[in-house]
Amino acid sequence: MQEIRLSNIVARPHLEHFTSNKLHQCLHGGRAGYKSSRNALKIALKTLEDPNCEVIVIRQDYSD
């Protein structure tokens, strides 16, 4: 099995928050900030670690 290091996948600005166990997190920043990719990886990792894990993702709608 190939070893994958999260530090090679997650963008540096989000790595500190990626390893956080804080329940609620609001990420701010512009487009192309890797926020969605970071969240997708964290959700996948948490659901693999805990089969009873439940996830809710709320996105703010910026359309006018």
N, C-alpha and C. Protein backbone atom coordinates (compact mmCIF):
# COMPACT_ATOMS: atom_id res chain seq x y z
N MET A 1 0.84 -1.18 0.00
CA MET A 1 0.00 0.00 0.00
C MET A 1 0.89 1.24 0.00
N GLN A 2 0.53 2.21 -0.79
CA GLN A 2 1.30 3.44 -0.90
C GLN A 2 0.98 4.37 0.27
N GLU A 3 2.02 4.99 0.82
CA GLU A 3 1.84 5.95 1.91
C GLU A 3 1.63 7.34 1.34
N ILE A 4 0.61 8.02 1.84
CA ILE A 4 0.31 9.38 1.40
C ILE A 4 0.43 10.30 2.60
N ARG A 5 1.22 11.34 2.44
CA ARG A 5 1.39 12.32 3.51
C ARG A 5 0.45 13.49 3.25
N LEU A 6 -0.38 13.82 4.24
CA LEU A 6 -1.33 14.92 4.09
C LEU A 6 -0.62 16.24 3.89
N SER A 7 0.57 16.38 4.44
CA SER A 7 1.32 17.63 4.27
C SER A 7 1.73 17.85 2.81
N ASN A 8 1.72 16.79 2.01
CA ASN A 8 2.00 16.93 0.58
C ASN A 8 0.75 17.23 -0.23
N ILE A 9 -0.42 17.06 0.37
CA ILE A 9 -1.68 17.26 -0.34
C ILE A 9 -2.36 18.56 0.05
N VAL A 10 -2.37 18.86 1.35
CA VAL A 10 -3.07 20.03 1.86
C VAL A 10 -2.19 21.27 1.70
N ALA A 11 -2.76 22.36 1.19
CA ALA A 11 -2.01 23.61 1.01
C ALA A 11 -1.52 24.11 2.37
N ARG A 12 -0.31 24.65 2.40
CA ARG A 12 0.31 25.10 3.65
C ARG A 12 -0.56 26.01 4.51
N PRO A 13 -1.26 27.00 3.93
CA PRO A 13 -2.07 27.87 4.79
C PRO A 13 -3.17 27.13 5.54
N HIS A 14 -3.59 25.96 5.05
CA HIS A 14 -4.68 25.23 5.68
C HIS A 14 -4.21 24.04 6.50
N LEU A 15 -2.93 23.75 6.48
CA LEU A 15 -2.42 22.57 7.18
C LEU A 15 -2.63 22.67 8.69
N GLU A 16 -2.41 23.84 9.27
CA GLU A 16 -2.60 24.02 10.71
C GLU A 16 -4.05 23.75 11.10
N HIS A 17 -5.00 24.25 10.32
CA HIS A 17 -6.42 24.04 10.62
C HIS A 17 -6.85 22.62 10.28
N PHE A 18 -6.17 21.99 9.34
CA PHE A 18 -6.51 20.62 8.95
C PHE A 18 -6.33 19.66 10.12
N THR A 19 -5.28 19.85 10.88
CA THR A 19 -5.00 18.94 11.99
C THR A 19 -5.76 19.31 13.26
N SER A 20 -6.52 20.39 13.22
CA SER A 20 -7.29 20.83 14.37
C SER A 20 -8.50 19.92 14.58
N ASN A 21 -8.85 19.66 15.83
CA ASN A 21 -10.05 18.88 16.15
C ASN A 21 -11.22 19.77 16.53
N LYS A 22 -11.11 21.06 16.25
CA LYS A 22 -12.18 22.00 16.55
C LYS A 22 -13.44 21.58 15.78
N LEU A 23 -14.58 21.58 16.46
CA LEU A 23 -15.81 21.08 15.86
C LEU A 23 -16.32 21.96 14.73
N HIS A 24 -16.41 23.26 14.97
CA HIS A 24 -16.92 24.18 13.96
C HIS A 24 -15.78 25.07 13.47
N GLN A 25 -15.65 25.19 12.16
CA GLN A 25 -14.60 26.03 11.59
C GLN A 25 -15.18 26.83 10.45
N CYS A 26 -14.91 28.12 10.44
CA CYS A 26 -15.29 29.00 9.33
C CYS A 26 -14.01 29.40 8.62
N LEU A 27 -13.91 29.02 7.37
CA LEU A 27 -12.72 29.35 6.59
C LEU A 27 -13.03 30.53 5.69
N HIS A 28 -12.14 31.48 5.67
CA HIS A 28 -12.33 32.68 4.86
C HIS A 28 -11.23 32.76 3.83
N GLY A 29 -11.51 33.47 2.78
CA GLY A 29 -10.51 33.66 1.74
C GLY A 29 -11.18 33.72 0.39
N GLY A 30 -10.41 34.07 -0.58
CA GLY A 30 -10.93 34.22 -1.94
C GLY A 30 -11.01 32.90 -2.68
N ARG A 31 -11.23 33.02 -3.95
CA ARG A 31 -11.29 31.83 -4.79
C ARG A 31 -9.91 31.21 -4.91
N ALA A 32 -9.91 29.95 -5.29
CA ALA A 32 -8.67 29.19 -5.46
C ALA A 32 -7.85 29.15 -4.18
N GLY A 33 -8.54 29.11 -3.04
CA GLY A 33 -7.85 29.05 -1.76
C GLY A 33 -7.72 27.64 -1.22
N TYR A 34 -8.12 26.65 -1.98
CA TYR A 34 -8.02 25.24 -1.60
C TYR A 34 -8.93 24.87 -0.43
N LYS A 35 -9.89 25.73 -0.10
CA LYS A 35 -10.75 25.43 1.04
C LYS A 35 -11.62 24.21 0.78
N SER A 36 -12.21 24.11 -0.41
CA SER A 36 -13.07 22.98 -0.73
C SER A 36 -12.28 21.68 -0.76
N SER A 37 -11.09 21.72 -1.34
CA SER A 37 -10.25 20.52 -1.40
C SER A 37 -9.84 20.08 0.01
N ARG A 38 -9.50 21.03 0.84
CA ARG A 38 -9.11 20.74 2.21
C ARG A 38 -10.27 20.10 2.96
N ASN A 39 -11.46 20.65 2.78
CA ASN A 39 -12.64 20.11 3.46
C ASN A 39 -12.98 18.71 2.95
N ALA A 40 -12.88 18.49 1.66
CA ALA A 40 -13.17 17.17 1.10
C ALA A 40 -12.21 16.12 1.66
N LEU A 41 -10.94 16.46 1.76
CA LEU A 41 -9.95 15.53 2.32
C LEU A 41 -10.23 15.25 3.79
N LYS A 42 -10.56 16.30 4.54
CA LYS A 42 -10.81 16.12 5.97
C LYS A 42 -12.06 15.27 6.20
N ILE A 43 -13.10 15.49 5.41
CA ILE A 43 -14.32 14.69 5.54
C ILE A 43 -14.03 13.23 5.23
N ALA A 44 -13.31 12.98 4.14
CA ALA A 44 -12.97 11.60 3.76
C ALA A 44 -12.14 10.92 4.85
N LEU A 45 -11.16 11.61 5.38
CA LEU A 45 -10.30 11.05 6.42
C LEU A 45 -11.09 10.74 7.69
N LYS A 46 -11.93 11.67 8.11
CA LYS A 46 -12.70 11.46 9.34
C LYS A 46 -13.69 10.31 9.20
N THR A 47 -14.33 10.17 8.04
CA THR A 47 -15.29 9.08 7.86
C THR A 47 -14.58 7.73 7.77
N LEU A 48 -13.35 7.71 7.28
CA LEU A 48 -12.58 6.46 7.29
C LEU A 48 -12.14 6.09 8.70
N GLU A 49 -11.80 7.08 9.51
CA GLU A 49 -11.35 6.84 10.88
C GLU A 49 -12.49 6.41 11.79
N ASP A 50 -13.67 6.98 11.59
CA ASP A 50 -14.81 6.74 12.48
C ASP A 50 -16.03 6.35 11.66
N PRO A 51 -16.42 5.07 11.65
CA PRO A 51 -17.56 4.64 10.84
C PRO A 51 -18.89 5.25 11.29
N ASN A 52 -18.95 5.81 12.50
CA ASN A 52 -20.18 6.44 12.99
C ASN A 52 -20.18 7.94 12.77
N CYS A 53 -19.20 8.44 12.04
CA CYS A 53 -19.06 9.87 11.80
C CYS A 53 -20.21 10.39 10.93
N GLU A 54 -20.71 11.54 11.29
CA GLU A 54 -21.72 12.23 10.49
C GLU A 54 -21.20 13.62 10.17
N VAL A 55 -21.46 14.08 8.95
CA VAL A 55 -20.90 15.34 8.49
C VAL A 55 -22.01 16.21 7.90
N ILE A 56 -21.98 17.49 8.24
CA ILE A 56 -22.86 18.48 7.61
C ILE A 56 -21.97 19.59 7.09
N VAL A 57 -22.14 19.92 5.82
CA VAL A 57 -21.37 20.99 5.20
C VAL A 57 -22.33 22.09 4.81
N ILE A 58 -22.06 23.31 5.25
CA ILE A 58 -22.88 24.47 4.91
C ILE A 58 -22.01 25.45 4.15
N ARG A 59 -22.48 25.83 2.99
CA ARG A 59 -21.75 26.81 2.18
C ARG A 59 -22.57 28.07 2.08
N GLN A 60 -21.89 29.19 2.20
CA GLN A 60 -22.56 30.48 2.06
C GLN A 60 -22.78 30.75 0.58
N ASP A 61 -23.98 31.21 0.24
CA ASP A 61 -24.31 31.53 -1.14
C ASP A 61 -23.94 32.99 -1.41
N TYR A 62 -23.06 33.20 -2.36
CA TYR A 62 -22.61 34.55 -2.68
C TYR A 62 -23.32 35.14 -3.88
N SER A 63 -24.29 34.42 -4.45
CA SER A 63 -25.00 34.96 -5.62
C SER A 63 -25.93 36.09 -5.18
N ASP A 64 -26.04 37.09 -6.01
CA ASP A 64 -26.89 38.24 -5.67
C ASP A 64 -28.23 38.16 -6.33
